[in-house]
N, C-alpha and C. Protein backbone atom coordinates (compact mmCIF):
# COMPACT_ATOMS: atom_id res chain seq x y z
N UNK A 1 0.85 -1.18 0.00
CA UNK A 1 0.00 0.00 0.00
C UNK A 1 0.89 1.24 0.00
N UNK A 2 0.58 2.17 -0.84
CA UNK A 2 1.36 3.38 -0.96
C UNK A 2 0.65 4.52 -0.25
N UNK A 3 1.28 5.03 0.80
CA UNK A 3 0.68 6.13 1.55
C UNK A 3 1.54 7.36 1.40
N UNK A 4 0.91 8.51 1.44
CA UNK A 4 1.66 9.74 1.30
C UNK A 4 1.25 10.79 2.30
N UNK A 5 1.99 11.88 2.27
CA UNK A 5 1.72 13.02 3.13
C UNK A 5 0.91 14.07 2.38
N UNK A 6 0.63 13.84 1.13
CA UNK A 6 -0.08 14.79 0.28
C UNK A 6 0.37 14.58 -1.15
N UNK A 7 -0.15 15.37 -2.07
CA UNK A 7 0.21 15.20 -3.49
C UNK A 7 1.72 15.30 -3.71
N UNK A 8 2.30 14.26 -4.27
CA UNK A 8 3.72 14.25 -4.60
C UNK A 8 4.66 14.06 -3.41
N UNK A 9 4.12 13.83 -2.21
CA UNK A 9 4.95 13.63 -1.01
C UNK A 9 4.69 12.24 -0.47
N UNK A 10 5.76 11.44 -0.39
CA UNK A 10 5.58 10.05 0.00
C UNK A 10 6.42 9.69 1.21
N UNK A 11 6.09 8.54 1.80
CA UNK A 11 6.76 8.03 3.00
C UNK A 11 8.20 7.64 2.71
N UNK A 12 9.00 7.76 3.74
CA UNK A 12 10.35 7.22 3.76
C UNK A 12 10.48 6.49 5.09
N UNK A 13 10.87 5.25 5.09
CA UNK A 13 10.92 4.47 6.32
C UNK A 13 12.29 4.58 6.98
N UNK A 14 12.29 4.62 8.30
CA UNK A 14 13.51 4.64 9.10
C UNK A 14 13.49 3.47 10.07
N UNK A 15 14.66 2.95 10.35
CA UNK A 15 14.80 1.90 11.36
C UNK A 15 14.85 2.53 12.74
N UNK A 16 13.92 2.16 13.63
CA UNK A 16 13.95 2.69 14.99
C UNK A 16 15.22 2.26 15.71
N UNK A 17 15.69 1.06 15.42
CA UNK A 17 16.93 0.58 16.03
C UNK A 17 18.11 1.45 15.61
N UNK A 18 18.19 1.80 14.33
CA UNK A 18 19.26 2.68 13.86
C UNK A 18 19.10 4.09 14.42
N UNK A 19 17.88 4.55 14.56
CA UNK A 19 17.66 5.87 15.15
C UNK A 19 18.15 5.90 16.60
N UNK A 20 17.90 4.82 17.35
CA UNK A 20 18.42 4.76 18.71
C UNK A 20 19.95 4.77 18.71
N UNK A 21 20.55 3.99 17.82
CA UNK A 21 22.02 3.94 17.73
C UNK A 21 22.60 5.32 17.42
N UNK A 22 22.00 6.03 16.48
CA UNK A 22 22.48 7.36 16.11
C UNK A 22 22.22 8.39 17.20
N UNK A 23 21.12 8.24 17.94
CA UNK A 23 20.84 9.15 19.05
C UNK A 23 21.89 9.00 20.15
N UNK A 24 22.43 7.81 20.29
CA UNK A 24 23.42 7.53 21.34
C UNK A 24 24.87 7.71 20.86
N UNK A 25 25.08 8.09 19.61
CA UNK A 25 26.42 8.20 19.03
C UNK A 25 27.09 9.52 19.43
N UNK A 26 28.08 9.48 20.32
CA UNK A 26 28.67 10.71 20.84
C UNK A 26 29.42 11.56 19.80
N UNK A 27 29.80 10.97 18.66
CA UNK A 27 30.51 11.74 17.63
C UNK A 27 29.57 12.51 16.70
N UNK A 28 28.27 12.31 16.85
CA UNK A 28 27.26 13.02 16.05
C UNK A 28 26.88 14.31 16.78
N UNK A 29 26.65 15.41 16.04
CA UNK A 29 26.25 16.66 16.70
C UNK A 29 24.99 16.46 17.55
N UNK A 30 24.96 17.11 18.72
CA UNK A 30 23.86 16.92 19.67
C UNK A 30 22.50 17.23 19.07
N UNK A 31 22.39 18.30 18.29
CA UNK A 31 21.08 18.67 17.72
C UNK A 31 20.56 17.58 16.80
N UNK A 32 21.45 16.88 16.10
CA UNK A 32 21.03 15.79 15.23
C UNK A 32 20.68 14.55 16.05
N UNK A 33 21.39 14.33 17.14
CA UNK A 33 21.08 13.22 18.04
C UNK A 33 19.70 13.39 18.66
N UNK A 34 19.33 14.64 18.97
CA UNK A 34 17.98 14.93 19.49
C UNK A 34 16.94 14.49 18.46
N UNK A 35 17.17 14.83 17.20
CA UNK A 35 16.25 14.44 16.13
C UNK A 35 16.12 12.91 16.05
N UNK A 36 17.24 12.21 16.10
CA UNK A 36 17.19 10.74 16.03
C UNK A 36 16.50 10.16 17.27
N UNK A 37 16.67 10.79 18.42
CA UNK A 37 15.96 10.35 19.63
C UNK A 37 14.45 10.50 19.43
N UNK A 38 14.04 11.59 18.81
CA UNK A 38 12.61 11.80 18.53
C UNK A 38 12.08 10.73 17.58
N UNK A 39 12.82 10.44 16.53
CA UNK A 39 12.39 9.41 15.58
C UNK A 39 12.32 8.04 16.26
N UNK A 40 13.28 7.75 17.11
CA UNK A 40 13.35 6.46 17.80
C UNK A 40 12.13 6.25 18.69
N UNK A 41 11.71 7.28 19.44
CA UNK A 41 10.64 7.14 20.42
C UNK A 41 9.28 7.61 19.91
N UNK A 42 9.18 7.99 18.66
CA UNK A 42 7.95 8.56 18.10
C UNK A 42 6.73 7.68 18.38
N UNK A 43 5.63 8.30 18.84
CA UNK A 43 4.39 7.56 19.02
C UNK A 43 3.40 7.97 17.93
N UNK A 44 2.17 7.50 18.02
CA UNK A 44 1.20 7.71 16.95
C UNK A 44 0.72 9.15 16.81
N UNK A 45 0.97 9.99 17.79
CA UNK A 45 0.56 11.40 17.67
C UNK A 45 1.76 12.32 17.46
N UNK A 46 2.92 11.75 17.14
CA UNK A 46 4.10 12.55 16.83
C UNK A 46 4.91 13.00 18.03
N UNK A 47 4.66 12.40 19.19
CA UNK A 47 5.38 12.75 20.42
C UNK A 47 6.35 11.63 20.78
N UNK A 48 7.50 12.01 21.34
CA UNK A 48 8.51 11.06 21.79
C UNK A 48 8.81 11.36 23.26
N UNK A 49 8.20 10.59 24.15
CA UNK A 49 8.32 10.86 25.59
C UNK A 49 9.55 10.20 26.21
N UNK A 50 10.12 10.89 27.19
CA UNK A 50 11.26 10.41 27.96
C UNK A 50 10.98 10.66 29.44
N UNK A 51 11.49 9.78 30.29
CA UNK A 51 11.40 9.99 31.73
C UNK A 51 12.32 11.15 32.11
N UNK A 52 12.11 11.72 33.28
CA UNK A 52 12.95 12.82 33.76
C UNK A 52 14.43 12.38 33.77
N UNK A 53 15.28 13.12 33.09
CA UNK A 53 16.70 12.83 33.03
C UNK A 53 17.10 11.78 32.01
N UNK A 54 16.15 11.09 31.43
CA UNK A 54 16.46 10.00 30.51
C UNK A 54 17.15 10.49 29.23
N UNK A 55 16.68 11.60 28.68
CA UNK A 55 17.29 12.10 27.44
C UNK A 55 18.76 12.47 27.68
N UNK A 56 19.08 12.96 28.86
CA UNK A 56 20.47 13.28 29.20
C UNK A 56 21.35 12.03 29.12
N UNK A 57 20.80 10.88 29.50
CA UNK A 57 21.53 9.62 29.39
C UNK A 57 21.66 9.14 27.96
N UNK A 58 20.60 9.31 27.17
CA UNK A 58 20.63 8.93 25.76
C UNK A 58 21.70 9.75 25.03
N UNK A 59 21.78 11.03 25.36
CA UNK A 59 22.72 11.94 24.70
C UNK A 59 24.08 11.99 25.40
N UNK A 60 24.38 10.98 26.20
CA UNK A 60 25.61 10.95 27.00
C UNK A 60 26.85 11.20 26.16
N UNK A 61 27.86 11.75 26.84
CA UNK A 61 29.16 11.98 26.21
C UNK A 61 29.90 10.66 26.08
N UNK A 62 31.05 10.70 25.41
CA UNK A 62 31.90 9.51 25.35
C UNK A 62 32.22 9.10 26.77
N UNK A 63 32.20 7.83 27.05
CA UNK A 63 32.43 7.34 28.40
C UNK A 63 31.15 7.16 29.18
N UNK A 64 30.01 7.58 28.59
CA UNK A 64 28.71 7.36 29.21
C UNK A 64 28.25 8.41 30.21
N UNK A 65 28.98 9.52 30.36
CA UNK A 65 28.56 10.55 31.30
C UNK A 65 27.36 11.32 30.74
N UNK A 66 26.21 11.30 31.46
CA UNK A 66 25.01 12.01 30.98
C UNK A 66 25.28 13.51 30.85
N UNK A 67 24.57 14.12 29.93
CA UNK A 67 24.68 15.57 29.75
C UNK A 67 24.04 16.29 30.93
N UNK A 68 24.46 17.52 31.15
CA UNK A 68 23.83 18.35 32.16
C UNK A 68 22.47 18.80 31.63
N UNK A 69 21.61 19.24 32.53
CA UNK A 69 20.30 19.74 32.14
C UNK A 69 20.42 20.88 31.14
N UNK A 70 21.39 21.78 31.38
CA UNK A 70 21.61 22.91 30.47
C UNK A 70 22.04 22.47 29.09
N UNK A 71 22.90 21.46 29.02
CA UNK A 71 23.35 20.95 27.72
C UNK A 71 22.21 20.30 26.95
N UNK A 72 21.35 19.58 27.65
CA UNK A 72 20.18 18.98 27.00
C UNK A 72 19.26 20.07 26.48
N UNK A 73 19.01 21.09 27.29
CA UNK A 73 18.15 22.21 26.86
C UNK A 73 18.73 22.90 25.63
N UNK A 74 20.04 23.10 25.61
CA UNK A 74 20.68 23.74 24.46
C UNK A 74 20.57 22.87 23.21
N UNK A 75 20.73 21.56 23.36
CA UNK A 75 20.62 20.65 22.21
C UNK A 75 19.20 20.64 21.66
N UNK A 76 18.22 20.65 22.55
CA UNK A 76 16.81 20.70 22.13
C UNK A 76 16.53 22.03 21.42
N UNK A 77 17.05 23.13 21.96
CA UNK A 77 16.86 24.45 21.34
C UNK A 77 17.47 24.50 19.94
N UNK A 78 18.66 23.91 19.76
CA UNK A 78 19.30 23.89 18.44
C UNK A 78 18.49 23.07 17.45
N UNK A 79 17.96 21.93 17.89
CA UNK A 79 17.13 21.10 17.01
C UNK A 79 15.86 21.86 16.60
N UNK A 80 15.30 22.66 17.52
CA UNK A 80 14.15 23.52 17.19
C UNK A 80 14.54 24.56 16.15
N UNK A 81 15.68 25.24 16.38
CA UNK A 81 16.15 26.26 15.44
C UNK A 81 16.32 25.71 14.04
N UNK A 82 16.76 24.47 13.94
CA UNK A 82 16.99 23.84 12.65
C UNK A 82 15.71 23.28 12.04
N UNK A 83 14.60 23.39 12.77
CA UNK A 83 13.32 22.93 12.26
C UNK A 83 13.13 21.42 12.30
N UNK A 84 13.94 20.73 13.10
CA UNK A 84 13.84 19.27 13.17
C UNK A 84 12.77 18.80 14.13
N UNK A 85 12.48 19.60 15.15
CA UNK A 85 11.44 19.27 16.12
C UNK A 85 10.59 20.51 16.34
N UNK A 86 9.38 20.33 16.82
CA UNK A 86 8.45 21.44 17.03
C UNK A 86 8.81 22.26 18.26
N UNK A 87 8.31 23.48 18.29
CA UNK A 87 8.61 24.42 19.38
C UNK A 87 8.15 23.95 20.75
N UNK A 88 7.11 23.13 20.83
CA UNK A 88 6.63 22.67 22.14
C UNK A 88 7.49 21.55 22.72
N UNK A 89 8.52 21.13 22.00
CA UNK A 89 9.42 20.09 22.47
C UNK A 89 10.21 20.53 23.70
N UNK A 90 10.52 19.56 24.55
CA UNK A 90 11.37 19.80 25.72
C UNK A 90 12.08 18.49 26.05
N UNK A 91 12.87 18.47 27.11
CA UNK A 91 13.66 17.29 27.45
C UNK A 91 12.80 16.08 27.83
N UNK A 92 11.54 16.29 28.16
CA UNK A 92 10.65 15.18 28.52
C UNK A 92 9.84 14.67 27.33
N UNK A 93 9.69 15.51 26.28
CA UNK A 93 8.92 15.09 25.11
C UNK A 93 9.37 15.88 23.88
N UNK A 94 9.86 15.16 22.89
CA UNK A 94 10.25 15.75 21.62
C UNK A 94 9.10 15.54 20.65
N UNK A 95 8.71 16.60 19.94
CA UNK A 95 7.53 16.54 19.08
C UNK A 95 7.93 16.76 17.62
N UNK A 96 7.48 15.86 16.75
CA UNK A 96 7.70 15.98 15.31
C UNK A 96 6.38 16.37 14.65
N UNK A 97 6.46 17.13 13.57
CA UNK A 97 5.26 17.52 12.82
C UNK A 97 4.64 16.31 12.13
N UNK A 98 3.32 16.31 12.04
CA UNK A 98 2.62 15.20 11.37
C UNK A 98 2.96 15.17 9.88
N UNK A 99 3.33 16.31 9.30
CA UNK A 99 3.71 16.30 7.88
C UNK A 99 5.15 15.80 7.70
N UNK A 100 5.86 15.59 8.81
CA UNK A 100 7.25 15.13 8.74
C UNK A 100 7.39 13.63 9.02
N UNK A 101 6.70 13.13 10.02
CA UNK A 101 6.85 11.72 10.39
C UNK A 101 5.57 11.19 11.01
N UNK A 102 5.33 9.92 10.78
CA UNK A 102 4.18 9.22 11.36
C UNK A 102 4.60 7.80 11.67
N UNK A 103 3.88 7.19 12.59
CA UNK A 103 4.11 5.77 12.90
C UNK A 103 2.79 5.13 13.29
N UNK A 104 2.73 3.84 13.12
CA UNK A 104 1.54 3.08 13.53
C UNK A 104 1.75 2.43 14.89
N UNK A 105 2.95 2.52 15.43
CA UNK A 105 3.28 1.88 16.71
C UNK A 105 3.34 2.92 17.81
N UNK A 106 3.22 2.46 19.03
CA UNK A 106 3.34 3.35 20.18
C UNK A 106 2.00 3.85 20.67
N UNK A 107 2.07 4.65 21.71
CA UNK A 107 0.85 5.14 22.35
C UNK A 107 0.16 6.19 21.49
N UNK A 108 -1.02 6.54 21.91
CA UNK A 108 -1.80 7.57 21.23
C UNK A 108 -2.03 8.75 22.16
N UNK A 109 -1.09 8.95 23.09
CA UNK A 109 -1.22 10.06 24.04
C UNK A 109 0.15 10.53 24.48
N UNK A 110 0.17 11.67 25.17
CA UNK A 110 1.40 12.22 25.72
C UNK A 110 1.08 12.83 27.07
N UNK A 111 1.65 12.26 28.12
CA UNK A 111 1.37 12.79 29.46
C UNK A 111 2.05 14.13 29.69
N UNK A 112 3.16 14.38 29.04
CA UNK A 112 3.87 15.65 29.19
C UNK A 112 3.07 16.83 28.63
N UNK A 113 2.42 16.63 27.49
CA UNK A 113 1.65 17.69 26.85
C UNK A 113 0.14 17.50 27.02
N UNK A 114 -0.24 16.49 27.78
CA UNK A 114 -1.66 16.19 27.99
C UNK A 114 -2.40 16.11 26.66
N UNK A 115 -1.79 15.41 25.71
CA UNK A 115 -2.36 15.29 24.36
C UNK A 115 -2.82 13.87 24.12
N UNK A 116 -3.88 13.75 23.33
CA UNK A 116 -4.42 12.44 22.98
C UNK A 116 -4.96 12.49 21.55
N UNK A 117 -5.10 11.31 20.97
CA UNK A 117 -5.77 11.22 19.69
C UNK A 117 -7.23 11.54 19.91
N UNK A 118 -7.76 12.42 19.10
CA UNK A 118 -9.17 12.78 19.24
C UNK A 118 -10.02 11.69 18.61
N UNK A 119 -11.01 11.26 19.35
CA UNK A 119 -11.97 10.28 18.84
C UNK A 119 -13.36 10.80 19.12
N UNK A 120 -14.23 10.75 18.13
CA UNK A 120 -15.60 11.21 18.39
C UNK A 120 -16.29 10.29 19.39
N UNK A 121 -17.09 10.88 20.24
CA UNK A 121 -17.84 10.07 21.20
C UNK A 121 -18.95 9.34 20.49
N UNK A 122 -19.11 8.10 20.83
CA UNK A 122 -20.19 7.31 20.26
C UNK A 122 -21.45 7.62 21.08
N UNK A 123 -22.49 7.99 20.39
CA UNK A 123 -23.73 8.28 21.09
C UNK A 123 -24.77 7.24 20.68
N UNK A 124 -25.64 6.96 21.60
CA UNK A 124 -26.72 6.04 21.30
C UNK A 124 -27.98 6.86 21.07
N UNK A 125 -28.80 6.44 20.16
CA UNK A 125 -30.02 7.20 19.90
C UNK A 125 -30.90 7.27 21.14
N UNK A 126 -31.53 8.39 21.30
CA UNK A 126 -32.42 8.58 22.43
C UNK A 126 -33.70 7.78 22.20
N UNK A 127 -34.27 7.28 23.27
CA UNK A 127 -35.54 6.55 23.15
C UNK A 127 -36.71 7.50 22.94
N UNK A 128 -36.45 8.79 23.17
CA UNK A 128 -37.54 9.77 23.02
C UNK A 128 -37.80 10.16 21.59
N UNK A 129 -36.93 9.75 20.65
CA UNK A 129 -37.13 10.19 19.28
C UNK A 129 -37.91 9.22 18.46
């Protein structure tokens, strides 16, 4: 099945395993590692959630030393500046645009942004009608 993002725009598949590997690669620029971390953890609504301090460990320096909170914030800010992640992104949740990436796996909510997939409520017909 061929799915697209719109006329003339088509899917490109990425390996989540490779995205994790690249997110953890200390020789790659931090802003790009943030992007790969987002792709690795992407859920069905375009959010990539991390536990408190977890992204600092993913982006660890050579030798495994986690980044400081300030370094993580700077890396996230650079990824935003480059247009790789959305402005509402932070160290607990990296957000990708729906026109940029989608997945069928993962949750359909984000506790950090209190976001969920919208579903219409099912109503039952009234007996009075």
